[in-house]
Amino acid sequence: MSVWIILNEQNVWWRDKSKIDEKKHIKRWLESRVKWFSKIMDLKENPGLIYIIRGPRQVGKSTHALLKIRELLKKVEPFNILYVHCEAFSGRKELDQAIREYLRSTRGVVWIFIDEATHIKDWYVSIKYFKDIGLLDNAIVVITGSSSLDLARASNYLSGRRGENIEQNLDRVLLPMSFREALLTAFGSQQLKRFIRRSITQKTLLEVISGRIPLELRKILAFWDEISDAFEKYLITGGYPLTIDEYLKKRRISTSIYNLFITLVRRDLEKYGYDPLKVDQVMRRLIETLTEPVDYETLKSGTDIRSSTRLSDYLTALQNSYIVTPIPYINPSEKRVMMRKRRKYYFRDPFIYHAFRAWTLGLEPFEASKHAAKDPTIKGIIIENIICEYLVRYVTAYNNRPLIDPQSHMQYIGYWKTKKGEVDFIIRLKNRYIPVEVKFREKIQRSSLRALIKTTQTLRNRGVVISKRPEDLIEEQHYVAIPAQIFAIIFPSPSR
C-alpha cells in the first residue's frame, strides 16, 4: 500500500479542515460530557522542537494530539500538519518513507504528530537521522507513547537535538485527571467551578502545608454536598475521561472498558518480555498488600517469580507504565530516605485499582468497584492511594523534578513506621518536612495520632491529617485536619 494512501486516510483535514471533527477520537470528545484538554498541550511553536508526551494506556493521549491539531487548524495551513498513528505502519522503514515523502512535499514550518510511536521498534533512530540531516529543521514534532521505558530511552538518544536551548519542558506526561480537574470538567456545577477557579489557588495549598486553614476552605464548605457526591463518583470512575463519561451517561461502566485497559497493559508488558500471567500474580500480591510496607520476599510469595532481581524488573515495568508508585521509608530524625527498607506501593488512579482488582480476583468489575467504594476498609485504602498520587505529583513539581520519570519522587516522599505507630507520608519541600496522615473515618481518636504528633515535634512542623467530615476542618496544636474531599481539590493540575 502506498504511504500516501495511509497519510490521506489519517489526515482528513487536508481535504477539508472541518473533517477533523469526524475523526473517531474527536467525535467521541465532542459527544462526551467530559471536555478535558490538559495544559500539557500548551506547546511552543518554534521550529526544531521535539516534544515527547507519555502517559498510561487509555488516558487520552491520542485525543489530546488530535485536539491540538484541531486548535492549530484555526491558524495553520492544513497540509502543514501531519498526523501518523504508528499502528498503521508495518515497521520503521515504512514510517521513514511516509515522513520523508511528506517533508519533501511541504514548504514552511510544519507540525508532525507521531502517535503511539512505541508500536514501532527503534522509531527514534529515524527521528535522530532526520534531525541530523536537517529534514526536521522547519518542523515541530510531537511524539506520544505509553511506555515510559521506551520513551525515556528515546529522550536520551535524542538528547541535544530536540531544541533544549529554546524549551526546557520537552518531556511531558499526561496522567489521569485529578479530582479537581474532574470537578472542573465533568462533575461540578458552574457555581462550584467558578469558586474553585477564583479562590482555590497554589497559595491555598501552601497555607495548608504550612499548618493553616485559609478562609476560602471554610467558604467552600457551602458546596459540601455537591463535592461529597462528586467524590463518591470519582472513587469509582477515577480520572479517566472515558470512564467518567460512561458513568455520567449510563450510571455504570461497561466491562469492555475495564478489559480493554487490562489487555493493552498486559500486551505492552509482554512486548518487553514480561509474562502476562506473572504480571497478574504480581498485581494480585500488590492488591493484597496495598498500603502496607513490603519487601521482595513478601511480594514473591504466591507468584512463580523466584528471583528478587526479576521481581524488581516487573515492579519497575509497572512503574514505567504509570500503574503503581513506590513509596520508600524515611527516617524523620535523620531526614533521610532509606531505599533498602521495605516500601509501600500505591495505584496511580482508582480506575486502575478497580480494573486490576476485578481482573486478578475474577470479579465483575463495575459491581466490584461499587462495593469497594462503599466498604469502609477498602474505601479508606482507595482514598489513601488518591492522596499518595497527589502528594507525589506535588512534591515532584515543587522540587523541580521531572514528572515524566516515575522514580523522580523517591527522595521527596516517604513513610515512617515503628512499633509504636506509623505516619502514612512525610513529604519534603526543599528543606521542610511535613507529615501527612490519612484518617478517613467518622471519629479520629487522638491516640491514633501519637506517631504523627511525635513526628511533628521531631520535625518542628505542623502535620496534616486527612479526615472525613466537614466539621473536621480544624487547626490543632500539632496539625491541621482537612476532609479528603476538600484536600483533593486544592492540588494544582500538572502542567508538565
Protein backbone atom coordinates (compact mmCIF):
# COMPACT_ATOMS: atom_id res chain seq x y z
CA MET A 1 0.00 0.00 0.00
CA SER A 2 1.28 3.46 -0.88
CA VAL A 3 2.19 5.52 2.19
CA TRP A 4 0.17 8.37 0.68
CA ILE A 5 -2.99 6.28 0.95
CA ILE A 6 -2.30 5.86 4.69
CA LEU A 7 -1.44 9.55 5.12
CA ASN A 8 -4.56 10.74 3.36
CA GLU A 9 -6.69 8.39 5.46
CA GLN A 10 -5.17 9.70 8.70
CA ASN A 11 -5.04 13.39 7.72
CA VAL A 12 -8.63 14.03 6.59
CA TRP A 13 -8.25 17.80 7.20
CA TRP A 14 -6.03 18.05 4.12
CA ARG A 15 -9.24 17.84 2.07
CA ASP A 16 -11.44 19.89 4.41
CA LYS A 17 -10.29 21.15 7.80
CA SER A 18 -13.77 20.63 9.28
CA LYS A 19 -13.33 16.90 8.65
CA ILE A 20 -11.21 16.62 11.79
CA ASP A 21 -14.46 16.56 13.75
CA GLU A 22 -15.21 13.23 12.04
CA LYS A 23 -12.07 11.58 13.47
CA LYS A 24 -13.11 8.91 15.96
CA HIS A 25 -11.37 10.45 18.97
CA ILE A 26 -12.60 13.98 18.24
CA LYS A 27 -16.14 12.82 17.54
CA ARG A 28 -16.20 10.97 20.85
CA TRP A 29 -14.78 14.05 22.64
CA LEU A 30 -17.45 16.31 21.11
CA GLU A 31 -20.18 13.89 22.22
CA SER A 32 -18.65 13.42 25.66
CA ARG A 33 -19.70 15.18 28.84
CA VAL A 34 -16.01 15.39 29.75
CA LYS A 35 -14.35 18.20 27.79
CA TRP A 36 -10.82 17.72 29.09
CA PHE A 37 -7.87 19.33 27.30
CA SER A 38 -4.83 19.35 29.56
CA LYS A 39 -2.43 22.27 29.92
CA ILE A 40 0.44 19.96 28.97
CA MET A 41 -0.56 20.59 25.34
CA ASP A 42 0.46 24.25 25.62
CA LEU A 43 3.39 23.89 23.21
CA LYS A 44 5.83 26.46 21.86
CA GLU A 45 5.72 26.99 18.10
CA ASN A 46 9.46 27.19 17.45
CA PRO A 47 10.76 25.02 14.58
CA GLY A 48 13.24 22.36 15.67
CA LEU A 49 11.45 21.37 18.88
CA ILE A 50 10.74 17.69 19.58
CA TYR A 51 8.18 17.07 22.33
CA ILE A 52 7.68 13.63 23.89
CA ILE A 53 4.40 13.02 25.72
CA ARG A 54 3.97 9.92 27.84
CA GLY A 55 1.17 8.54 29.95
CA PRO A 56 -0.74 5.40 30.88
CA ARG A 57 -2.93 3.50 28.48
CA GLN A 58 -6.40 4.90 27.66
CA VAL A 59 -5.75 8.24 29.39
CA GLY A 60 -6.37 10.23 26.20
CA LYS A 61 -3.00 10.87 24.54
CA SER A 62 -4.34 10.34 21.01
CA THR A 63 -7.35 12.53 21.77
CA HIS A 64 -5.06 15.28 23.06
CA ALA A 65 -2.85 15.09 19.96
CA LEU A 66 -5.89 15.47 17.71
CA LEU A 67 -7.35 18.25 19.87
CA LYS A 68 -4.07 20.12 19.46
CA ILE A 69 -4.33 19.66 15.70
CA ARG A 70 -7.93 20.93 15.84
CA GLU A 71 -6.65 24.02 17.65
CA LEU A 72 -3.80 24.54 15.16
CA LEU A 73 -6.14 24.31 12.16
CA LYS A 74 -7.52 27.72 13.13
CA LYS A 75 -4.20 29.32 12.13
CA VAL A 76 -2.03 26.76 10.29
CA GLU A 77 -2.36 25.60 6.68
CA PRO A 78 -3.98 22.11 6.87
CA PHE A 79 -1.31 20.38 4.75
CA ASN A 80 1.35 21.72 7.13
CA ILE A 81 0.03 19.43 9.87
CA LEU A 82 0.92 15.74 9.64
CA TYR A 83 -0.57 13.07 11.91
CA VAL A 84 0.65 9.47 11.82
CA HIS A 85 -0.65 6.72 14.08
CA CYS A 86 2.08 4.12 14.15
CA GLU A 87 -0.25 1.12 14.30
CA ALA A 88 -0.94 1.77 10.60
CA PHE A 89 2.69 1.09 9.64
CA SER A 90 4.36 -2.29 9.37
CA GLY A 91 7.69 -1.06 10.68
CA ARG A 92 10.30 1.68 10.88
CA LYS A 93 11.11 1.52 7.17
CA GLU A 94 7.51 2.34 6.18
CA LEU A 95 7.27 5.10 8.79
CA ASP A 96 10.57 6.55 7.48
CA GLN A 97 9.21 6.60 3.96
CA ALA A 98 5.98 8.32 4.99
CA ILE A 99 7.70 11.12 6.92
CA ARG A 100 10.39 11.58 4.27
CA GLU A 101 7.91 11.85 1.39
CA TYR A 102 5.69 14.21 3.36
CA LEU A 103 8.58 16.55 4.24
CA ARG A 104 9.69 16.68 0.61
CA SER A 105 6.19 17.84 -0.36
CA THR A 106 5.87 20.75 2.08
CA ARG A 107 7.09 24.30 2.43
CA GLY A 108 7.42 26.45 5.51
CA VAL A 109 7.01 25.40 9.13
CA VAL A 110 5.18 22.09 9.68
CA TRP A 111 3.78 20.22 12.69
CA ILE A 112 4.36 16.45 12.84
CA PHE A 113 2.39 14.34 15.34
CA ILE A 114 3.66 10.76 15.74
CA ASP A 115 1.08 8.93 17.85
CA GLU A 116 1.87 5.74 19.81
CA ALA A 117 5.43 5.70 18.49
CA THR A 118 6.31 2.80 20.78
CA HIS A 119 4.44 0.45 18.42
CA ILE A 120 7.49 0.64 16.12
CA LYS A 121 10.81 -0.69 17.33
CA ASP A 122 13.66 1.84 17.41
CA TRP A 123 11.50 4.60 15.91
CA TYR A 124 13.72 7.23 17.50
CA VAL A 125 16.67 6.17 15.32
CA SER A 126 14.79 7.59 12.33
CA ILE A 127 13.94 10.84 14.13
CA LYS A 128 17.60 11.30 15.07
CA TYR A 129 18.70 10.70 11.49
CA PHE A 130 16.13 13.12 10.05
CA LYS A 131 17.22 15.71 12.61
CA ASP A 132 20.90 15.23 11.82
CA ILE A 133 20.45 15.71 8.08
CA GLY A 134 18.26 18.78 8.54
CA LEU A 135 14.91 17.38 7.41
CA LEU A 136 13.28 18.48 10.68
CA ASP A 137 14.76 21.99 10.82
CA ASN A 138 11.38 23.51 9.93
CA ALA A 139 9.29 21.05 11.92
CA ILE A 140 7.76 20.95 15.39
CA VAL A 141 7.48 17.28 16.30
CA VAL A 142 5.10 15.88 18.95
CA ILE A 143 5.56 12.22 19.86
CA THR A 144 3.24 10.21 22.12
CA GLY A 145 3.57 6.76 23.67
CA SER A 146 2.58 4.59 26.61
CA SER A 147 5.93 3.04 27.53
CA SER A 148 7.96 5.25 29.82
CA LEU A 149 10.92 2.90 29.40
CA ASP A 150 10.95 3.18 25.61
CA LEU A 151 10.32 6.92 25.61
CA ALA A 152 12.99 7.54 28.24
CA ARG A 153 15.44 5.68 26.00
CA ALA A 154 14.31 7.84 23.09
CA SER A 155 14.69 11.02 25.13
CA ASN A 156 18.30 10.12 25.96
CA TYR A 157 19.04 9.05 22.37
CA LEU A 158 17.76 12.36 21.01
CA SER A 159 19.46 14.47 23.67
CA GLY A 160 20.87 17.72 22.30
CA ARG A 161 18.78 17.51 19.14
CA ARG A 162 15.36 18.50 20.49
CA GLY A 163 15.70 22.26 20.88
CA GLU A 164 16.61 22.23 24.55
CA ASN A 165 18.05 25.74 24.26
CA ILE A 166 14.55 27.05 23.41
CA GLU A 167 12.26 24.91 25.60
CA GLN A 168 13.25 23.18 28.84
CA ASN A 169 9.99 21.27 29.24
CA LEU A 170 10.14 18.94 26.24
CA ASP A 171 9.24 15.75 28.15
CA ARG A 172 5.68 15.76 29.42
CA VAL A 173 3.30 13.27 30.99
CA LEU A 174 -0.47 13.04 30.65
CA LEU A 175 -1.81 11.48 33.85
CA PRO A 176 -5.44 10.73 34.75
CA MET A 177 -7.43 13.75 35.87
CA SER A 178 -7.16 14.76 39.49
CA PHE A 179 -10.38 15.24 41.45
CA ARG A 180 -10.01 18.97 40.94
CA GLU A 181 -9.77 18.51 37.15
CA ALA A 182 -12.73 16.12 37.21
CA LEU A 183 -14.82 18.72 39.05
CA LEU A 184 -13.83 21.44 36.61
CA THR A 185 -14.53 19.36 33.51
CA ALA A 186 -17.36 16.99 34.44
CA PHE A 187 -18.78 16.75 37.95
CA GLY A 188 -19.02 20.34 39.21
CA SER A 189 -21.79 22.91 38.85
CA GLN A 190 -20.97 26.24 37.22
CA GLN A 191 -21.03 27.94 40.63
CA LEU A 192 -18.57 25.45 42.13
CA LYS A 193 -16.29 25.68 39.09
CA ARG A 194 -16.20 29.47 39.35
CA PHE A 195 -15.40 29.31 43.06
CA ILE A 196 -12.56 26.83 42.56
CA ARG A 197 -11.01 28.77 39.68
CA ARG A 198 -11.27 32.10 41.52
CA SER A 199 -10.47 31.10 45.10
CA ILE A 200 -8.57 27.79 45.30
CA THR A 201 -5.04 28.63 44.17
CA GLN A 202 -1.48 27.48 44.69
CA LYS A 203 -1.43 29.71 47.77
CA THR A 204 -4.28 27.70 49.30
CA LEU A 205 -2.24 24.50 49.29
CA LEU A 206 0.86 26.26 50.60
CA GLU A 207 -1.12 27.59 53.57
CA VAL A 208 -2.46 24.13 54.43
CA ILE A 209 1.02 22.60 54.16
CA SER A 210 2.26 25.38 56.43
CA GLY A 211 -0.30 24.43 59.08
CA ARG A 212 -3.09 26.97 58.46
CA ILE A 213 -6.68 26.67 57.27
CA PRO A 214 -7.30 29.55 54.83
CA LEU A 215 -10.69 31.26 54.76
CA GLU A 216 -11.55 30.01 51.27
CA LEU A 217 -11.61 26.42 52.54
CA ARG A 218 -14.23 27.37 55.11
CA LYS A 219 -16.24 29.09 52.38
CA ILE A 220 -16.09 26.07 50.05
CA LEU A 221 -17.98 24.04 52.66
CA ALA A 222 -21.10 25.74 51.27
CA PHE A 223 -20.71 23.27 48.37
CA TRP A 224 -20.10 20.28 50.66
CA ASP A 225 -22.99 18.11 49.48
CA GLU A 226 -22.07 18.60 45.83
CA ILE A 227 -18.36 17.97 46.44
CA SER A 228 -19.05 14.89 48.56
CA ASP A 229 -21.36 13.40 45.92
CA ALA A 230 -18.80 14.03 43.16
CA PHE A 231 -16.05 12.48 45.29
CA GLU A 232 -18.07 9.28 45.70
CA LYS A 233 -18.36 9.05 41.91
CA TYR A 234 -14.66 9.74 41.47
CA LEU A 235 -13.81 6.85 43.80
CA ILE A 236 -15.42 4.59 41.17
CA THR A 237 -14.50 6.27 37.89
CA GLY A 238 -11.07 7.63 38.71
CA GLY A 239 -9.70 10.32 36.43
CA TYR A 240 -10.14 8.64 33.06
CA PRO A 241 -12.37 10.67 30.70
CA LEU A 242 -13.86 7.54 29.13
CA THR A 243 -14.94 6.04 32.45
CA ILE A 244 -16.33 9.34 33.78
CA ASP A 245 -18.32 9.95 30.59
CA GLU A 246 -19.74 6.43 30.56
CA TYR A 247 -20.72 6.65 34.23
CA LEU A 248 -22.40 10.04 33.83
CA LYS A 249 -24.41 8.82 30.84
CA LYS A 250 -25.28 5.27 31.94
CA ARG A 251 -24.64 5.20 35.70
CA ARG A 252 -22.34 2.27 35.13
CA ILE A 253 -19.06 1.41 33.34
CA SER A 254 -19.11 -1.44 30.84
CA THR A 255 -16.92 -4.49 31.41
CA SER A 256 -15.35 -3.97 27.99
CA ILE A 257 -13.72 -0.70 29.14
CA TYR A 258 -12.03 -2.41 32.09
CA ASN A 259 -10.98 -5.40 29.97
CA LEU A 260 -9.58 -3.27 27.15
CA PHE A 261 -7.39 -1.37 29.62
CA ILE A 262 -6.08 -4.60 31.15
CA THR A 263 -5.49 -6.16 27.72
CA LEU A 264 -3.49 -3.18 26.47
CA VAL A 265 -1.32 -3.00 29.60
CA ARG A 266 -0.61 -6.74 29.56
CA ARG A 267 0.15 -6.66 25.82
CA ASP A 268 2.57 -3.76 26.24
CA LEU A 269 4.41 -5.51 29.05
CA GLU A 270 4.54 -8.78 27.14
CA LYS A 271 6.21 -6.94 24.25
CA TYR A 272 9.06 -6.09 26.64
CA GLY A 273 9.46 -9.66 27.85
CA TYR A 274 7.11 -9.80 30.85
CA ASP A 275 4.90 -12.88 31.20
CA PRO A 276 1.23 -11.71 31.43
CA LEU A 277 0.41 -14.45 33.95
CA LYS A 278 3.25 -13.34 36.20
CA VAL A 279 2.11 -9.73 35.79
CA ASP A 280 -1.29 -10.86 37.09
CA GLN A 281 0.36 -12.62 40.04
CA VAL A 282 2.40 -9.56 40.98
CA MET A 283 -0.65 -7.32 40.68
CA ARG A 284 -2.64 -9.61 42.96
CA ARG A 285 0.10 -9.51 45.59
CA LEU A 286 0.25 -5.72 45.35
CA ILE A 287 -3.52 -5.53 45.86
CA GLU A 288 -3.34 -7.91 48.83
CA THR A 289 -0.58 -5.86 50.50
CA LEU A 290 -1.71 -2.41 49.35
CA THR A 291 -0.59 0.49 51.61
CA GLU A 292 1.49 -1.92 53.76
CA PRO A 293 5.32 -1.92 53.83
CA VAL A 294 6.56 -4.98 51.94
CA ASP A 295 9.84 -6.49 50.83
CA TYR A 296 10.56 -8.61 47.77
CA GLU A 297 10.19 -11.89 49.69
CA THR A 298 6.66 -10.90 50.74
CA LEU A 299 5.67 -9.98 47.20
CA LYS A 300 7.26 -13.08 45.67
CA SER A 301 5.19 -15.44 47.82
CA GLY A 302 2.22 -16.64 45.82
CA THR A 303 3.92 -15.93 42.47
CA ASP A 304 6.02 -18.02 40.10
CA ILE A 305 8.84 -15.47 40.27
CA ARG A 306 11.78 -16.86 42.21
CA SER A 307 14.40 -14.17 41.72
CA SER A 308 14.21 -10.87 43.62
CA THR A 309 16.02 -9.25 40.71
CA ARG A 310 13.35 -10.43 38.30
CA LEU A 311 10.58 -9.28 40.64
CA SER A 312 12.25 -5.87 40.75
CA ASP A 313 12.12 -5.84 36.93
CA TYR A 314 8.35 -6.48 36.99
CA LEU A 315 7.77 -3.74 39.57
CA THR A 316 9.86 -1.27 37.57
CA ALA A 317 7.91 -2.13 34.41
CA LEU A 318 4.62 -1.44 36.22
CA GLN A 319 6.00 1.88 37.45
CA ASN A 320 7.16 2.77 33.94
CA SER A 321 3.64 2.02 32.70
CA TYR A 322 2.24 4.51 35.27
CA ILE A 323 0.31 1.75 37.05
CA VAL A 324 1.85 1.82 40.55
CA THR A 325 4.05 4.14 42.59
CA PRO A 326 6.57 3.00 45.25
CA ILE A 327 6.92 4.94 48.50
CA PRO A 328 10.20 4.39 50.40
CA TYR A 329 10.91 4.51 54.13
CA ILE A 330 12.05 7.84 55.58
CA ASN A 331 13.73 8.44 58.92
CA PRO A 332 12.32 11.72 60.31
CA SER A 333 15.13 12.13 62.85
CA GLU A 334 17.81 11.92 60.19
CA LYS A 335 15.61 13.42 57.45
CA ARG A 336 16.84 10.70 55.14
CA VAL A 337 15.14 8.32 52.73
CA MET A 338 16.33 4.73 53.22
CA MET A 339 15.99 2.84 49.95
CA ARG A 340 16.92 -0.57 51.37
CA LYS A 341 13.96 -0.63 53.76
CA ARG A 342 10.56 -2.04 52.88
CA ARG A 343 8.46 0.01 50.50
CA LYS A 344 4.76 0.68 50.18
CA TYR A 345 3.05 0.54 46.80
CA TYR A 346 0.10 2.59 45.62
CA PHE A 347 -2.05 2.64 42.48
CA ARG A 348 -1.94 5.84 40.48
CA ASP A 349 -5.70 6.10 39.91
CA PRO A 350 -8.86 4.47 41.34
CA PHE A 351 -9.87 3.09 37.93
CA ILE A 352 -6.52 1.31 37.58
CA TYR A 353 -7.04 -0.24 41.03
CA HIS A 354 -10.58 -1.37 40.24
CA ALA A 355 -9.61 -2.81 36.84
CA PHE A 356 -6.74 -4.92 38.19
CA ARG A 357 -8.58 -5.93 41.37
CA ALA A 358 -11.52 -7.27 39.36
CA TRP A 359 -9.23 -8.95 36.82
CA THR A 360 -6.99 -10.74 39.32
CA LEU A 361 -9.85 -11.76 41.66
CA GLY A 362 -12.26 -12.78 38.90
CA LEU A 363 -14.96 -10.23 39.77
CA GLU A 364 -17.48 -8.31 37.68
CA PRO A 365 -15.57 -5.01 37.54
CA PHE A 366 -18.26 -2.37 37.91
CA GLU A 367 -20.13 -4.14 40.70
CA ALA A 368 -16.81 -4.80 42.44
CA SER A 369 -15.93 -1.10 42.08
CA LYS A 370 -19.23 0.00 43.64
CA HIS A 371 -18.78 -2.44 46.50
CA ALA A 372 -15.20 -1.31 47.10
CA ALA A 373 -16.25 2.36 47.21
CA LYS A 374 -18.82 1.54 49.93
CA ASP A 375 -16.77 -0.84 52.05
CA PRO A 376 -15.21 1.32 54.82
CA THR A 377 -11.87 -0.51 54.81
CA ILE A 378 -11.39 -0.67 51.04
CA LYS A 379 -12.69 2.87 50.64
CA GLY A 380 -10.07 4.11 53.08
CA ILE A 381 -7.39 2.31 51.07
CA ILE A 382 -8.59 3.89 47.81
CA ILE A 383 -8.52 7.35 49.39
CA GLU A 384 -5.01 6.79 50.75
CA ASN A 385 -3.97 5.88 47.19
CA ILE A 386 -5.53 9.09 45.84
CA ILE A 387 -3.78 11.23 48.45
CA CYS A 388 -0.48 9.48 47.72
CA GLU A 389 -0.78 10.22 43.99
CA TYR A 390 -1.45 13.92 44.56
CA LEU A 391 1.40 14.23 47.05
CA VAL A 392 3.76 12.52 44.57
CA ARG A 393 2.72 14.93 41.81
CA TYR A 394 3.07 17.91 44.13
CA VAL A 395 6.49 17.14 45.64
CA THR A 396 7.86 16.29 42.20
CA ALA A 397 6.80 19.65 40.78
CA TYR A 398 7.69 21.63 43.92
CA ASN A 399 11.24 20.26 43.95
CA ASN A 400 11.64 20.86 40.19
CA ARG A 401 11.90 17.19 39.32
CA PRO A 402 10.56 15.72 36.04
CA LEU A 403 7.11 14.21 36.48
CA ILE A 404 7.71 12.00 33.44
CA ASP A 405 10.20 9.90 35.42
CA PRO A 406 8.17 7.51 37.63
CA GLN A 407 11.08 7.38 40.10
CA SER A 408 11.70 11.13 40.44
CA HIS A 409 9.66 11.50 43.63
CA MET A 410 11.65 8.95 45.66
CA GLN A 411 13.84 11.45 47.52
CA TYR A 412 10.89 13.70 48.41
CA ILE A 413 8.23 11.48 49.94
CA GLY A 414 8.31 8.50 52.27
CA TYR A 415 6.51 6.75 55.11
CA TRP A 416 7.64 6.18 58.68
CA LYS A 417 6.80 3.18 60.83
CA THR A 418 7.91 2.00 64.26
CA LYS A 419 6.49 -0.41 66.82
CA LYS A 420 4.53 2.48 68.33
CA GLY A 421 2.84 3.64 65.16
CA GLU A 422 3.08 4.79 61.57
CA VAL A 423 2.92 8.02 59.60
CA ASP A 424 1.47 7.42 56.15
CA PHE A 425 3.57 10.06 54.38
CA ILE A 426 6.33 12.54 55.11
CA ILE A 427 6.84 14.97 52.25
CA ARG A 428 9.94 17.04 51.63
CA LEU A 429 9.52 20.54 50.25
CA LYS A 430 13.14 21.61 49.73
CA ASN A 431 14.30 21.94 53.37
CA ARG A 432 10.93 21.41 55.06
CA TYR A 433 9.47 18.03 56.04
CA ILE A 434 5.69 17.73 56.56
CA PRO A 435 3.99 14.59 57.96
CA VAL A 436 0.64 13.63 56.41
CA GLU A 437 -1.73 11.07 57.92
CA VAL A 438 -4.91 9.69 56.27
CA LYS A 439 -7.72 9.03 58.79
CA PHE A 440 -10.88 8.71 56.72
CA ARG A 441 -13.27 7.71 59.49
CA GLU A 442 -16.21 9.07 61.44
CA LYS A 443 -14.23 9.77 64.61
CA ILE A 444 -10.50 10.31 64.92
CA GLN A 445 -9.08 9.10 68.23
CA ARG A 446 -6.21 11.22 69.47
CA SER A 447 -4.40 8.01 70.43
CA SER A 448 -4.26 7.07 66.71
CA LEU A 449 -2.27 10.25 66.04
CA ARG A 450 0.56 9.63 68.51
CA ALA A 451 3.08 8.79 65.79
CA LEU A 452 2.08 11.87 63.79
CA ILE A 453 2.32 14.18 66.82
CA LYS A 454 5.71 12.77 67.79
CA THR A 455 6.92 13.28 64.22
CA THR A 456 5.72 16.90 64.16
CA GLN A 457 7.71 17.51 67.34
CA THR A 458 10.79 15.93 65.78
CA LEU A 459 10.43 17.90 62.55
CA ARG A 460 9.21 21.10 64.24
CA ASN A 461 6.45 21.46 61.67
CA ARG A 462 2.71 21.04 61.90
CA GLY A 463 1.36 17.95 60.19
CA VAL A 464 -1.74 17.39 58.06
CA VAL A 465 -4.48 14.91 58.95
CA ILE A 466 -6.77 13.88 56.09
CA SER A 467 -10.19 13.31 57.63
CA LYS A 468 -13.74 12.55 56.50
CA ARG A 469 -16.30 15.02 57.89
CA PRO A 470 -16.70 18.76 57.13
CA GLU A 471 -16.59 19.57 60.84
CA ASP A 472 -13.06 18.12 60.92
CA LEU A 473 -11.72 21.22 59.16
CA ILE A 474 -9.74 22.49 62.16
CA GLU A 475 -6.35 23.71 63.34
CA GLU A 476 -4.83 21.87 66.30
CA GLN A 477 -1.57 22.46 68.12
CA HIS A 478 0.37 19.82 66.18
CA TYR A 479 -1.62 19.51 62.95
CA VAL A 480 -4.38 20.81 60.73
CA ALA A 481 -7.22 18.47 59.81
CA ILE A 482 -8.94 18.71 56.45
CA PRO A 483 -11.52 16.39 54.83
CA ALA A 484 -10.16 14.28 51.97
CA GLN A 485 -12.88 15.63 49.69
CA ILE A 486 -11.54 19.18 50.17
CA PHE A 487 -7.87 18.27 50.31
CA ALA A 488 -8.17 16.60 46.88
CA ILE A 489 -9.38 19.89 45.35
CA ILE A 490 -6.52 22.11 46.41
CA PHE A 491 -3.80 20.39 44.35
CA PRO A 492 -2.97 22.23 41.13
CA SER A 493 -3.26 20.43 37.81
CA PRO A 494 0.05 19.11 36.45
CA SER A 495 1.43 21.22 33.63
CA ARG A 496 4.32 19.05 32.51
